[in-house]
Amino acid sequence: MAERDLIQQLDQAAGAMLAGAGEPSAGAGAGPEVTELLRMAAMVRDLPAEEFRERLKREVMARALEKGKEEEKQTMTTTTTWIREGFHSITPYLLAPSSARLMDFLKQAFEGEEMLRVPRPDGTIMHAQLKIGDSMIEMGEDPPPPFGVQPTALHLYVKDADAVYRRALEAGATSTHEPVDQPYGDREASVKDPAGNFWYIATNIAKDRGGRYVPEGLHSVTPFLHPHGAPALIDFLKRAFGAEEVSRHEAPAGTVMHAMVRIGDSMIEMGEAHGQWQPLPCSLHLYVPNVDEMYRRAMDAGATSINPPADQPYGDRAAGVIDPHGNRWYVATALGA
């Protein structure tokens, strides 16, 4: 039930009741929660205090709104069954050489929790899933052609950036810059892991955040892209995947210094390639409500097909595309999740 409709029904019925218009009625089409709340209100409607009546009206409406929000939450849960449990809309997929021992690094440096490992006969990892904070990371070692090793840039929010930075170096990472307070409210460092992935390690230290160290709208891990032509990539994401542009900060010359776009419940960050921060085309696992429709949209927006939608033995209907900037998107809808 929409909150506006619920408020209107209760306001009309409560007003009539307080004016002495007979027995309370929620009107045709009202849900049982409205009728029940009005029945309870009728039991005390004859008390004389006007202040009490107004308070009663507010409390009845507040209880009804709480019910409405709970119903909305349940509906949202029902409508997101196309995302596999434990995943967000976007999950980075790391492709690494076996010599990097990326799984061990992620555990030691970032306290990654191993959720799944599918080994090959030679002991290398064909597919694995780890959880870091509230985010899932997928990975594979020695990917076969035409995929190949593919370094990625990732923004990692942690409770203590300094401690995680030190732990990453001890686990075998190389420093790209030491922890420093940034003007946008983060304490931030960066490292390159043994597989060549860049990790921007940050703790949000902005005031009045109630102890939270991850900025609103972000997860523990967020892909960070450095394309040539960020505006064109943003446009592609909008047309292909229905992305919403959340923010864009440009230099005086118009260069995109930092931008965020939302797809589903997840963000992608990006900044125009410059200096040592050059393009690192990545692989991303994207869950959507209808993979067939999203595949067609991506192709119409200029993507190149890796494989068309097909039901997979692991329970997803999945497709693959490469965007005009070289990023691989493995688009999927969980079947019966």
C-alpha atoms as a PDB file:
ATOM      1  CA  MET A   1       0.000   0.000   0.000  1.00  0.00           C
ATOM      2  CA  ALA A   2       1.447   3.414  -0.970  1.00  0.00           C
ATOM      3  CA  GLU A   3       2.171   5.670   1.986  1.00  0.00           C
ATOM      4  CA  ARG A   4       0.293   8.601   0.445  1.00  0.00           C
ATOM      5  CA  ASP A   5      -2.878   6.547  -0.051  1.00  0.00           C
ATOM      6  CA  LEU A   6      -2.629   5.155   3.472  1.00  0.00           C
ATOM      7  CA  ILE A   7      -2.236   8.610   5.012  1.00  0.00           C
ATOM      8  CA  GLN A   8      -5.167   9.966   2.989  1.00  0.00           C
ATOM      9  CA  GLN A   9      -7.464   7.099   4.018  1.00  0.00           C
ATOM     10  CA  LEU A  10      -6.552   7.426   7.688  1.00  0.00           C
ATOM     11  CA  ASP A  11      -6.822  11.204   7.654  1.00  0.00           C
ATOM     12  CA  GLN A  12     -10.295  11.145   6.141  1.00  0.00           C
ATOM     13  CA  ALA A  13     -11.579   8.357   8.366  1.00  0.00           C
ATOM     14  CA  ALA A  14     -10.056   9.740  11.565  1.00  0.00           C
ATOM     15  CA  GLY A  15     -11.376  13.216  10.803  1.00  0.00           C
ATOM     16  CA  ALA A  16     -14.885  11.919  10.310  1.00  0.00           C
ATOM     17  CA  MET A  17     -14.662   9.824  13.453  1.00  0.00           C
ATOM     18  CA  LEU A  18     -13.444  12.711  15.600  1.00  0.00           C
ATOM     19  CA  ALA A  19     -16.288  14.866  14.232  1.00  0.00           C
ATOM     20  CA  GLY A  20     -18.766  12.311  15.565  1.00  0.00           C
ATOM     21  CA  ALA A  21     -19.868  10.850  12.247  1.00  0.00           C
ATOM     22  CA  GLY A  22     -20.833   7.433  13.574  1.00  0.00           C
ATOM     23  CA  GLU A  23     -18.883   4.223  13.415  1.00  0.00           C
ATOM     24  CA  PRO A  24     -15.381   4.397  11.888  1.00  0.00           C
ATOM     25  CA  SER A  25     -15.052   3.301   8.294  1.00  0.00           C
ATOM     26  CA  ALA A  26     -11.885   2.939   6.264  1.00  0.00           C
ATOM     27  CA  GLY A  27     -13.744   3.128   2.994  1.00  0.00           C
ATOM     28  CA  ALA A  28     -13.883   0.749   0.063  1.00  0.00           C
ATOM     29  CA  GLY A  29     -10.649  -0.910  -0.933  1.00  0.00           C
ATOM     30  CA  ALA A  30      -8.881  -0.233   2.352  1.00  0.00           C
ATOM     31  CA  GLY A  31      -6.571  -2.905   3.658  1.00  0.00           C
ATOM     32  CA  PRO A  32      -7.127  -4.778   6.913  1.00  0.00           C
ATOM     33  CA  GLU A  33      -4.378  -2.811   8.657  1.00  0.00           C
ATOM     34  CA  VAL A  34      -6.370   0.436   8.222  1.00  0.00           C
ATOM     35  CA  THR A  35      -9.607  -1.106   9.504  1.00  0.00           C
ATOM     36  CA  GLU A  36      -7.875  -2.617  12.531  1.00  0.00           C
ATOM     37  CA  LEU A  37      -6.146   0.617  13.480  1.00  0.00           C
ATOM     38  CA  LEU A  38      -9.405   2.581  13.214  1.00  0.00           C
ATOM     39  CA  ARG A  39     -11.203  -0.012  15.316  1.00  0.00           C
ATOM     40  CA  MET A  40      -8.631   0.500  18.053  1.00  0.00           C
ATOM     41  CA  ALA A  41      -8.965   4.269  17.758  1.00  0.00           C
ATOM     42  CA  ALA A  42     -12.752   4.092  18.069  1.00  0.00           C
ATOM     43  CA  MET A  43     -12.409   2.537  21.514  1.00  0.00           C
ATOM     44  CA  VAL A  44     -11.049   5.811  22.901  1.00  0.00           C
ATOM     45  CA  ARG A  45     -12.588   8.409  20.556  1.00  0.00           C
ATOM     46  CA  ASP A  46     -14.997   9.758  23.143  1.00  0.00           C
ATOM     47  CA  LEU A  47     -12.292  10.916  25.534  1.00  0.00           C
ATOM     48  CA  PRO A  48     -12.685  14.702  25.795  1.00  0.00           C
ATOM     49  CA  ALA A  49      -9.130  16.041  25.528  1.00  0.00           C
ATOM     50  CA  GLU A  50      -8.467  17.566  22.083  1.00  0.00           C
ATOM     51  CA  GLU A  51      -4.733  17.202  22.629  1.00  0.00           C
ATOM     52  CA  PHE A  52      -5.155  13.494  23.258  1.00  0.00           C
ATOM     53  CA  ARG A  53      -7.226  13.112  20.104  1.00  0.00           C
ATOM     54  CA  GLU A  54      -4.566  14.765  18.004  1.00  0.00           C
ATOM     55  CA  ARG A  55      -1.857  12.609  19.566  1.00  0.00           C
ATOM     56  CA  LEU A  56      -3.975   9.526  18.940  1.00  0.00           C
ATOM     57  CA  LYS A  57      -4.358  10.503  15.306  1.00  0.00           C
ATOM     58  CA  ARG A  58      -0.597  10.946  14.908  1.00  0.00           C
ATOM     59  CA  GLU A  59       0.182   7.637  16.620  1.00  0.00           C
ATOM     60  CA  VAL A  60      -2.356   5.720  14.544  1.00  0.00           C
ATOM     61  CA  MET A  61      -0.899   7.155  11.340  1.00  0.00           C
ATOM     62  CA  ALA A  62       2.658   6.466  12.502  1.00  0.00           C
ATOM     63  CA  ARG A  63       1.823   2.810  13.161  1.00  0.00           C
ATOM     64  CA  ALA A  64       0.208   2.519   9.760  1.00  0.00           C
ATOM     65  CA  LEU A  65       3.240   4.035   8.045  1.00  0.00           C
ATOM     66  CA  GLU A  66       5.500   1.585   9.867  1.00  0.00           C
ATOM     67  CA  LYS A  67       3.399  -1.256   8.511  1.00  0.00           C
ATOM     68  CA  GLY A  68       3.618   0.226   5.037  1.00  0.00           C
ATOM     69  CA  LYS A  69       7.415   0.415   5.204  1.00  0.00           C
ATOM     70  CA  GLU A  70       7.654  -3.189   6.374  1.00  0.00           C
ATOM     71  CA  GLU A  71       5.449  -4.307   3.472  1.00  0.00           C
ATOM     72  CA  GLU A  72       7.634  -2.308   1.068  1.00  0.00           C
ATOM     73  CA  LYS A  73      10.762  -3.985   2.491  1.00  0.00           C
ATOM     74  CA  GLN A  74       9.216  -7.428   2.038  1.00  0.00           C
ATOM     75  CA  THR A  75       8.214  -6.554  -1.522  1.00  0.00           C
ATOM     76  CA  MET A  76      11.756  -5.362  -2.289  1.00  0.00           C
ATOM     77  CA  THR A  77      13.165  -8.625  -0.953  1.00  0.00           C
ATOM     78  CA  THR A  78      10.805 -10.536  -3.211  1.00  0.00           C
ATOM     79  CA  THR A  79      11.727  -8.530  -6.282  1.00  0.00           C
ATOM     80  CA  THR A  80      15.504  -8.961  -5.874  1.00  0.00           C
ATOM     81  CA  THR A  81      15.598 -12.751  -6.019  1.00  0.00           C
ATOM     82  CA  TRP A  82      17.452 -12.363  -9.320  1.00  0.00           C
ATOM     83  CA  ILE A  83      20.607 -11.583  -7.301  1.00  0.00           C
ATOM     84  CA  ARG A  84      22.345 -14.626  -5.862  1.00  0.00           C
ATOM     85  CA  GLU A  85      22.466 -14.643  -2.078  1.00  0.00           C
ATOM     86  CA  GLY A  86      25.508 -12.841  -0.671  1.00  0.00           C
ATOM     87  CA  PHE A  87      26.094 -10.773  -3.819  1.00  0.00           C
ATOM     88  CA  HIS A  88      25.444  -7.163  -4.753  1.00  0.00           C
ATOM     89  CA  SER A  89      24.423  -6.052  -8.237  1.00  0.00           C
ATOM     90  CA  ILE A  90      28.098  -5.674  -9.214  1.00  0.00           C
ATOM     91  CA  THR A  91      30.908  -8.033  -8.228  1.00  0.00           C
ATOM     92  CA  PRO A  92      34.523  -7.570  -9.422  1.00  0.00           C
ATOM     93  CA  TYR A  93      36.045 -10.623 -11.111  1.00  0.00           C
ATOM     94  CA  LEU A  94      39.845 -10.743 -10.766  1.00  0.00           C
ATOM     95  CA  LEU A  95      41.961 -12.672 -13.286  1.00  0.00           C
ATOM     96  CA  ALA A  96      45.438 -13.375 -11.964  1.00  0.00           C
ATOM     97  CA  PRO A  97      48.556 -15.432 -12.685  1.00  0.00           C
ATOM     98  CA  SER A  98      48.858 -18.459 -10.413  1.00  0.00           C
ATOM     99  CA  SER A  99      52.270 -17.240  -9.263  1.00  0.00           C
ATOM    100  CA  ALA A 100      50.604 -14.275  -7.548  1.00  0.00           C
ATOM    101  CA  ARG A 101      48.716 -16.510  -5.065  1.00  0.00           C
ATOM    102  CA  LEU A 102      45.986 -13.888  -5.009  1.00  0.00           C
ATOM    103  CA  MET A 103      43.666 -15.882  -2.744  1.00  0.00           C
ATOM    104  CA  ASP A 104      46.282 -16.009   0.020  1.00  0.00           C
ATOM    105  CA  PHE A 105      47.030 -12.314  -0.373  1.00  0.00           C
ATOM    106  CA  LEU A 106      43.382 -11.285  -0.052  1.00  0.00           C
ATOM    107  CA  LYS A 107      43.048 -13.318   3.133  1.00  0.00           C
ATOM    108  CA  GLN A 108      46.228 -11.982   4.728  1.00  0.00           C
ATOM    109  CA  ALA A 109      45.942  -8.354   3.641  1.00  0.00           C
ATOM    110  CA  PHE A 110      42.199  -7.684   3.752  1.00  0.00           C
ATOM    111  CA  GLU A 111      40.880 -10.488   5.971  1.00  0.00           C
ATOM    112  CA  GLY A 112      39.059 -12.010   3.024  1.00  0.00           C
ATOM    113  CA  GLU A 113      36.800 -14.918   3.937  1.00  0.00           C
ATOM    114  CA  GLU A 114      36.951 -17.806   1.489  1.00  0.00           C
ATOM    115  CA  MET A 115      33.425 -18.763   0.418  1.00  0.00           C
ATOM    116  CA  LEU A 116      34.090 -21.083  -2.531  1.00  0.00           C
ATOM    117  CA  ARG A 117      37.076 -22.627  -4.318  1.00  0.00           C
ATOM    118  CA  VAL A 118      36.948 -24.688  -7.521  1.00  0.00           C
ATOM    119  CA  PRO A 119      40.470 -26.068  -8.166  1.00  0.00           C
ATOM    120  CA  ARG A 120      41.892 -27.479 -11.368  1.00  0.00           C
ATOM    121  CA  PRO A 121      43.778 -30.809 -11.350  1.00  0.00           C
ATOM    122  CA  ASP A 122      47.100 -28.927 -11.225  1.00  0.00           C
ATOM    123  CA  GLY A 123      46.015 -27.069  -8.079  1.00  0.00           C
ATOM    124  CA  THR A 124      45.419 -23.676  -9.694  1.00  0.00           C
ATOM    125  CA  ILE A 125      42.110 -21.992  -8.981  1.00  0.00           C
ATOM    126  CA  MET A 126      39.551 -22.105 -11.779  1.00  0.00           C
ATOM    127  CA  HIS A 127      37.009 -20.091  -9.786  1.00  0.00           C
ATOM    128  CA  ALA A 128      36.795 -18.748  -6.248  1.00  0.00           C
ATOM    129  CA  GLN A 129      34.670 -16.422  -4.181  1.00  0.00           C
ATOM    130  CA  LEU A 130      35.842 -14.407  -1.178  1.00  0.00           C
ATOM    131  CA  LYS A 131      34.003 -11.952   1.023  1.00  0.00           C
ATOM    132  CA  ILE A 132      35.712  -8.727   2.100  1.00  0.00           C
ATOM    133  CA  GLY A 133      33.587  -6.623   4.426  1.00  0.00           C
ATOM    134  CA  ASP A 134      30.098  -6.616   2.913  1.00  0.00           C
ATOM    135  CA  SER A 135      31.335  -7.360  -0.620  1.00  0.00           C
ATOM    136  CA  MET A 136      32.017 -10.464  -2.654  1.00  0.00           C
ATOM    137  CA  ILE A 137      35.104 -10.821  -4.857  1.00  0.00           C
ATOM    138  CA  GLU A 138      35.322 -13.491  -7.567  1.00  0.00           C
ATOM    139  CA  MET A 139      38.612 -14.606  -9.031  1.00  0.00           C
ATOM    140  CA  GLY A 140      40.381 -17.158 -11.173  1.00  0.00           C
ATOM    141  CA  GLU A 141      44.050 -18.041 -11.775  1.00  0.00           C
ATOM    142  CA  ASP A 142      45.737 -18.525 -15.139  1.00  0.00           C
ATOM    143  CA  PRO A 143      42.620 -17.703 -17.168  1.00  0.00           C
ATOM    144  CA  PRO A 144      42.593 -19.452 -20.554  1.00  0.00           C
ATOM    145  CA  PRO A 145      42.628 -17.528 -23.862  1.00  0.00           C
ATOM    146  CA  PRO A 146      41.120 -15.220 -24.934  1.00  0.00           C
ATOM    147  CA  PHE A 147      40.748 -13.848 -21.407  1.00  0.00           C
ATOM    148  CA  GLY A 148      44.252 -13.564 -19.977  1.00  0.00           C
ATOM    149  CA  VAL A 149      45.495 -11.898 -16.798  1.00  0.00           C
ATOM    150  CA  GLN A 150      43.669  -8.619 -16.232  1.00  0.00           C
ATOM    151  CA  PRO A 151      44.750  -6.190 -13.459  1.00  0.00           C
ATOM    152  CA  THR A 152      41.939  -4.113 -11.947  1.00  0.00           C
ATOM    153  CA  ALA A 153      41.598  -1.040  -9.705  1.00  0.00           C
ATOM    154  CA  LEU A 154      39.391  -1.327  -6.619  1.00  0.00           C
ATOM    155  CA  HIS A 155      38.331   1.106  -3.902  1.00  0.00           C
ATOM    156  CA  LEU A 156      38.399  -0.643  -0.500  1.00  0.00           C
ATOM    157  CA  TYR A 157      36.843   0.927   2.599  1.00  0.00           C
ATOM    158  CA  VAL A 158      38.102  -0.387   5.935  1.00  0.00           C
ATOM    159  CA  LYS A 159      37.904   0.621   9.583  1.00  0.00           C
ATOM    160  CA  ASP A 160      41.616   1.499   9.823  1.00  0.00           C
ATOM    161  CA  ALA A 161      43.331   2.386   6.548  1.00  0.00           C
ATOM    162  CA  ASP A 162      46.778   2.649   8.160  1.00  0.00           C
ATOM    163  CA  ALA A 163      46.617  -0.837   9.678  1.00  0.00           C
ATOM    164  CA  VAL A 164      45.311  -2.452   6.476  1.00  0.00           C
ATOM    165  CA  TYR A 165      47.949  -0.648   4.404  1.00  0.00           C
ATOM    166  CA  ARG A 166      50.710  -2.083   6.630  1.00  0.00           C
ATOM    167  CA  ARG A 167      49.161  -5.542   6.518  1.00  0.00           C
ATOM    168  CA  ALA A 168      48.968  -5.408   2.711  1.00  0.00           C
ATOM    169  CA  LEU A 169      52.687  -4.575   2.469  1.00  0.00           C
ATOM    170  CA  GLU A 170      53.502  -7.449   4.823  1.00  0.00           C
ATOM    171  CA  ALA A 171      51.442  -9.780   2.596  1.00  0.00           C
ATOM    172  CA  GLY A 172      53.490  -8.845  -0.489  1.00  0.00           C
ATOM    173  CA  ALA A 173      51.918  -5.681  -1.914  1.00  0.00           C
ATOM    174  CA  THR A 174      53.891  -2.717  -3.247  1.00  0.00           C
ATOM    175  CA  SER A 175      53.101   0.783  -2.002  1.00  0.00           C
ATOM    176  CA  THR A 176      51.909   3.349  -4.536  1.00  0.00           C
ATOM    177  CA  HIS A 177      51.257   5.985  -1.867  1.00  0.00           C
ATOM    178  CA  GLU A 178      51.304   6.055   1.913  1.00  0.00           C
ATOM    179  CA  PRO A 179      48.260   6.938   4.048  1.00  0.00           C
ATOM    180  CA  VAL A 180      47.271  10.601   3.851  1.00  0.00           C
ATOM    181  CA  ASP A 181      44.193  12.641   4.784  1.00  0.00           C
ATOM    182  CA  GLN A 182      42.325  13.726   1.657  1.00  0.00           C
ATOM    183  CA  PRO A 183      40.257  16.929   1.315  1.00  0.00           C
ATOM    184  CA  TYR A 184      37.161  14.867   0.435  1.00  0.00           C
ATOM    185  CA  GLY A 185      37.052  13.299   3.908  1.00  0.00           C
ATOM    186  CA  ASP A 186      38.958  10.027   3.499  1.00  0.00           C
ATOM    187  CA  ARG A 187      42.213   8.851   4.982  1.00  0.00           C
ATOM    188  CA  GLU A 188      43.602   6.958   2.040  1.00  0.00           C
ATOM    189  CA  ALA A 189      46.545   4.882   0.856  1.00  0.00           C
ATOM    190  CA  SER A 190      47.099   2.700  -2.186  1.00  0.00           C
ATOM    191  CA  VAL A 191      48.976  -0.489  -3.001  1.00  0.00           C
ATOM    192  CA  LYS A 192      49.544  -2.814  -5.918  1.00  0.00           C
ATOM    193  CA  ASP A 193      49.014  -6.472  -5.048  1.00  0.00           C
ATOM    194  CA  PRO A 194      51.183  -9.356  -6.359  1.00  0.00           C
ATOM    195  CA  ALA A 195      48.742  -9.888  -9.263  1.00  0.00           C
ATOM    196  CA  GLY A 196      49.018  -6.258 -10.386  1.00  0.00           C
ATOM    197  CA  ASN A 197      45.652  -5.054  -9.042  1.00  0.00           C
ATOM    198  CA  PHE A 198      45.546  -1.565  -7.512  1.00  0.00           C
ATOM    199  CA  TRP A 199      43.762  -1.172  -4.171  1.00  0.00           C
ATOM    200  CA  TYR A 200      42.766   2.290  -2.973  1.00  0.00           C
ATOM    201  CA  ILE A 201      42.486   1.656   0.779  1.00  0.00           C
ATOM    202  CA  ALA A 202      40.385   4.223   2.615  1.00  0.00           C
ATOM    203  CA  THR A 203      38.631   5.078   5.847  1.00  0.00           C
ATOM    204  CA  ASN A 204      36.033   7.795   5.698  1.00  0.00           C
ATOM    205  CA  ILE A 205      36.859  10.178   8.539  1.00  0.00           C
ATOM    206  CA  ALA A 206      34.281  12.865   7.810  1.00  0.00           C
ATOM    207  CA  LYS A 207      32.544  14.184  10.935  1.00  0.00           C
ATOM    208  CA  ASP A 208      29.047  13.290  12.133  1.00  0.00           C
ATOM    209  CA  ARG A 209      28.947   9.862  10.520  1.00  0.00           C
ATOM    210  CA  GLY A 210      28.061   7.940  13.655  1.00  0.00           C
ATOM    211  CA  GLY A 211      31.171   5.770  13.529  1.00  0.00           C
ATOM    212  CA  ARG A 212      30.577   4.560   9.963  1.00  0.00           C
ATOM    213  CA  TYR A 213      33.707   4.369   7.830  1.00  0.00           C
ATOM    214  CA  VAL A 214      32.085   3.616   4.450  1.00  0.00           C
ATOM    215  CA  PRO A 215      30.453   6.607   2.701  1.00  0.00           C
ATOM    216  CA  GLU A 216      26.728   6.474   2.090  1.00  0.00           C
ATOM    217  CA  GLY A 217      25.843   4.488  -1.032  1.00  0.00           C
ATOM    218  CA  LEU A 218      29.137   2.602  -1.309  1.00  0.00           C
ATOM    219  CA  HIS A 219      30.023  -0.956  -0.349  1.00  0.00           C
ATOM    220  CA  SER A 220      33.281  -2.199   1.156  1.00  0.00           C
ATOM    221  CA  VAL A 221      34.642  -2.845  -2.360  1.00  0.00           C
ATOM    222  CA  THR A 222      33.831  -0.680  -5.387  1.00  0.00           C
ATOM    223  CA  PRO A 223      35.346  -1.008  -8.894  1.00  0.00           C
ATOM    224  CA  PHE A 224      37.356   2.048  -9.937  1.00  0.00           C
ATOM    225  CA  LEU A 225      37.855   2.673 -13.673  1.00  0.00           C
ATOM    226  CA  HIS A 226      40.436   4.914 -15.379  1.00  0.00           C
ATOM    227  CA  PRO A 227      39.150   5.188 -18.954  1.00  0.00           C
ATOM    228  CA  HIS A 228      40.196   7.398 -21.809  1.00  0.00           C
ATOM    229  CA  GLY A 229      36.924   9.251 -22.365  1.00  0.00           C
ATOM    230  CA  ALA A 230      35.039   8.942 -19.074  1.00  0.00           C
ATOM    231  CA  PRO A 231      31.954  10.839 -20.367  1.00  0.00           C
ATOM    232  CA  ALA A 232      31.539   8.327 -23.188  1.00  0.00           C
ATOM    233  CA  LEU A 233      31.795   5.410 -20.756  1.00  0.00           C
ATOM    234  CA  ILE A 234      29.215   6.997 -18.462  1.00  0.00           C
ATOM    235  CA  ASP A 235      26.886   7.415 -21.434  1.00  0.00           C
ATOM    236  CA  PHE A 236      27.361   3.767 -22.396  1.00  0.00           C
ATOM    237  CA  LEU A 237      26.548   2.588 -18.861  1.00  0.00           C
ATOM    238  CA  LYS A 238      23.357   4.636 -18.872  1.00  0.00           C
ATOM    239  CA  ARG A 239      22.181   3.292 -22.224  1.00  0.00           C
ATOM    240  CA  ALA A 240      23.297  -0.293 -21.706  1.00  0.00           C
ATOM    241  CA  PHE A 241      22.534  -0.955 -18.051  1.00  0.00           C
ATOM    242  CA  GLY A 242      20.273   1.879 -16.948  1.00  0.00           C
ATOM    243  CA  ALA A 243      23.020   3.427 -14.806  1.00  0.00           C
ATOM    244  CA  GLU A 244      22.221   6.525 -12.772  1.00  0.00           C
ATOM    245  CA  GLU A 245      24.865   9.246 -12.642  1.00  0.00           C
ATOM    246  CA  VAL A 246      25.256  10.116  -8.960  1.00  0.00           C
ATOM    247  CA  SER A 247      28.084  12.656  -9.125  1.00  0.00           C
ATOM    248  CA  ARG A 248      30.608  14.145 -11.538  1.00  0.00           C
ATOM    249  CA  HIS A 249      33.497  16.452 -10.674  1.00  0.00           C
ATOM    250  CA  GLU A 250      35.312  18.055 -13.578  1.00  0.00           C
ATOM    251  CA  ALA A 251      38.485  20.080 -13.923  1.00  0.00           C
ATOM    252  CA  PRO A 252      38.157  23.581 -15.455  1.00  0.00           C
ATOM    253  CA  ALA A 253      39.056  22.081 -18.829  1.00  0.00           C
ATOM    254  CA  GLY A 254      36.165  19.624 -18.576  1.00  0.00           C
ATOM    255  CA  THR A 255      38.188  16.511 -17.674  1.00  0.00           C
ATOM    256  CA  VAL A 256      36.297  14.150 -15.384  1.00  0.00           C
ATOM    257  CA  MET A 257      38.365  13.963 -12.211  1.00  0.00           C
ATOM    258  CA  HIS A 258      35.928  11.725 -10.349  1.00  0.00           C
ATOM    259  CA  ALA A 259      32.476  10.369 -11.088  1.00  0.00           C
ATOM    260  CA  MET A 260      30.134   7.821  -9.570  1.00  0.00           C
ATOM    261  CA  VAL A 261      27.341   5.935 -11.313  1.00  0.00           C
ATOM    262  CA  ARG A 262      24.897   3.528  -9.707  1.00  0.00           C
ATOM    263  CA  ILE A 263      23.700   0.282 -11.260  1.00  0.00           C
ATOM    264  CA  GLY A 264      21.233  -1.593  -9.087  1.00  0.00           C
ATOM    265  CA  ASP A 265      22.500  -1.408  -5.508  1.00  0.00           C
ATOM    266  CA  SER A 266      26.140  -0.843  -6.488  1.00  0.00           C
ATOM    267  CA  MET A 267      28.407   2.008  -7.513  1.00  0.00           C
ATOM    268  CA  ILE A 268      31.159   2.287 -10.085  1.00  0.00           C
ATOM    269  CA  GLU A 269      33.738   5.032  -9.600  1.00  0.00           C
ATOM    270  CA  MET A 270      35.905   6.451 -12.337  1.00  0.00           C
ATOM    271  CA  GLY A 271      38.315   9.196 -13.230  1.00  0.00           C
ATOM    272  CA  GLU A 272      39.896  10.092 -16.561  1.00  0.00           C
ATOM    273  CA  ALA A 273      43.182   8.268 -17.201  1.00  0.00           C
ATOM    274  CA  HIS A 274      46.204  10.429 -16.374  1.00  0.00           C
ATOM    275  CA  GLY A 275      49.815  10.017 -15.243  1.00  0.00           C
ATOM    276  CA  GLN A 276      50.423   6.605 -13.708  1.00  0.00           C
ATOM    277  CA  TRP A 277      46.655   5.949 -13.569  1.00  0.00           C
ATOM    278  CA  GLN A 278      46.084   4.440 -16.978  1.00  0.00           C
ATOM    279  CA  PRO A 279      43.179   2.293 -18.227  1.00  0.00           C
ATOM    280  CA  LEU A 280      42.810  -1.089 -16.532  1.00  0.00           C
ATOM    281  CA  PRO A 281      39.914  -2.774 -18.315  1.00  0.00           C
ATOM    282  CA  CYS A 282      38.248  -5.049 -15.797  1.00  0.00           C
ATOM    283  CA  SER A 283      35.781  -7.920 -15.546  1.00  0.00           C
ATOM    284  CA  LEU A 284      32.534  -7.311 -13.683  1.00  0.00           C
ATOM    285  CA  HIS A 285      29.749  -9.706 -12.758  1.00  0.00           C
ATOM    286  CA  LEU A 286      26.441  -7.823 -13.069  1.00  0.00           C
ATOM    287  CA  TYR A 287      23.159  -9.227 -11.752  1.00  0.00           C
ATOM    288  CA  VAL A 288      20.041  -7.822 -13.438  1.00  0.00           C
ATOM    289  CA  PRO A 289      16.320  -8.708 -13.389  1.00  0.00           C
ATOM    290  CA  ASN A 290      16.252  -9.720 -17.073  1.00  0.00           C
ATOM    291  CA  VAL A 291      19.544 -10.741 -18.654  1.00  0.00           C
ATOM    292  CA  ASP A 292      18.062 -11.111 -22.160  1.00  0.00           C
ATOM    293  CA  GLU A 293      16.770  -7.550 -22.171  1.00  0.00           C
ATOM    294  CA  MET A 294      19.999  -6.151 -20.722  1.00  0.00           C
ATOM    295  CA  TYR A 295      22.104  -8.055 -23.275  1.00  0.00           C
ATOM    296  CA  ARG A 296      20.076  -6.506 -26.110  1.00  0.00           C
ATOM    297  CA  ARG A 297      20.407  -3.030 -24.591  1.00  0.00           C
ATOM    298  CA  ALA A 298      24.169  -3.422 -24.231  1.00  0.00           C
ATOM    299  CA  MET A 299      24.522  -4.550 -27.844  1.00  0.00           C
ATOM    300  CA  ASP A 300      22.396  -1.619 -29.036  1.00  0.00           C
ATOM    301  CA  ALA A 301      24.621   0.723 -26.991  1.00  0.00           C
ATOM    302  CA  GLY A 302      27.755  -0.476 -28.795  1.00  0.00           C
ATOM    303  CA  ALA A 303      28.984  -3.504 -26.833  1.00  0.00           C
ATOM    304  CA  THR A 304      30.620  -6.540 -28.444  1.00  0.00           C
ATOM    305  CA  SER A 305      29.216  -9.961 -27.618  1.00  0.00           C
ATOM    306  CA  ILE A 306      31.236 -12.561 -25.728  1.00  0.00           C
ATOM    307  CA  ASN A 307      28.319 -14.964 -25.532  1.00  0.00           C
ATOM    308  CA  PRO A 308      24.519 -14.566 -25.831  1.00  0.00           C
ATOM    309  CA  PRO A 309      22.174 -15.383 -22.923  1.00  0.00           C
ATOM    310  CA  ALA A 310      21.992 -19.058 -21.967  1.00  0.00           C
ATOM    311  CA  ASP A 311      21.009 -21.036 -18.887  1.00  0.00           C
ATOM    312  CA  GLN A 312      24.072 -22.193 -16.965  1.00  0.00           C
ATOM    313  CA  PRO A 313      24.469 -25.379 -14.857  1.00  0.00           C
ATOM    314  CA  TYR A 314      25.275 -23.318 -11.742  1.00  0.00           C
ATOM    315  CA  GLY A 315      21.791 -21.778 -11.732  1.00  0.00           C
ATOM    316  CA  ASP A 316      22.177 -18.467 -13.586  1.00  0.00           C
ATOM    317  CA  ARG A 317      21.009 -17.350 -16.979  1.00  0.00           C
ATOM    318  CA  ALA A 318      24.078 -15.485 -18.165  1.00  0.00           C
ATOM    319  CA  ALA A 319      25.558 -13.554 -21.078  1.00  0.00           C
ATOM    320  CA  GLY A 320      28.804 -11.713 -21.708  1.00  0.00           C
ATOM    321  CA  VAL A 321      29.678  -8.438 -23.462  1.00  0.00           C
ATOM    322  CA  ILE A 322      32.695  -6.156 -23.852  1.00  0.00           C
ATOM    323  CA  ASP A 323      32.003  -2.431 -23.644  1.00  0.00           C
ATOM    324  CA  PRO A 324      33.676   0.083 -26.003  1.00  0.00           C
ATOM    325  CA  HIS A 325      36.385   0.696 -23.373  1.00  0.00           C
ATOM    326  CA  GLY A 326      37.390  -2.961 -23.112  1.00  0.00           C
ATOM    327  CA  ASN A 327      35.659  -3.835 -19.835  1.00  0.00           C
ATOM    328  CA  ARG A 328      34.058  -7.285 -19.739  1.00  0.00           C
ATOM    329  CA  TRP A 329      30.553  -7.561 -18.307  1.00  0.00           C
ATOM    330  CA  TYR A 330      29.234 -10.957 -17.298  1.00  0.00           C
ATOM    331  CA  VAL A 331      25.533 -10.176 -17.055  1.00  0.00           C
ATOM    332  CA  ALA A 332      23.346 -12.659 -15.201  1.00  0.00           C
ATOM    333  CA  THR A 333      19.957 -13.358 -13.690  1.00  0.00           C
ATOM    334  CA  ALA A 334      19.823 -15.926 -10.901  1.00  0.00           C
ATOM    335  CA  LEU A 335      17.195 -18.550 -11.689  1.00  0.00           C
ATOM    336  CA  GLY A 336      15.119 -19.597  -8.708  1.00  0.00           C
ATOM    337  CA  ALA A 337      17.541 -18.082  -6.201  1.00  0.00           C
END
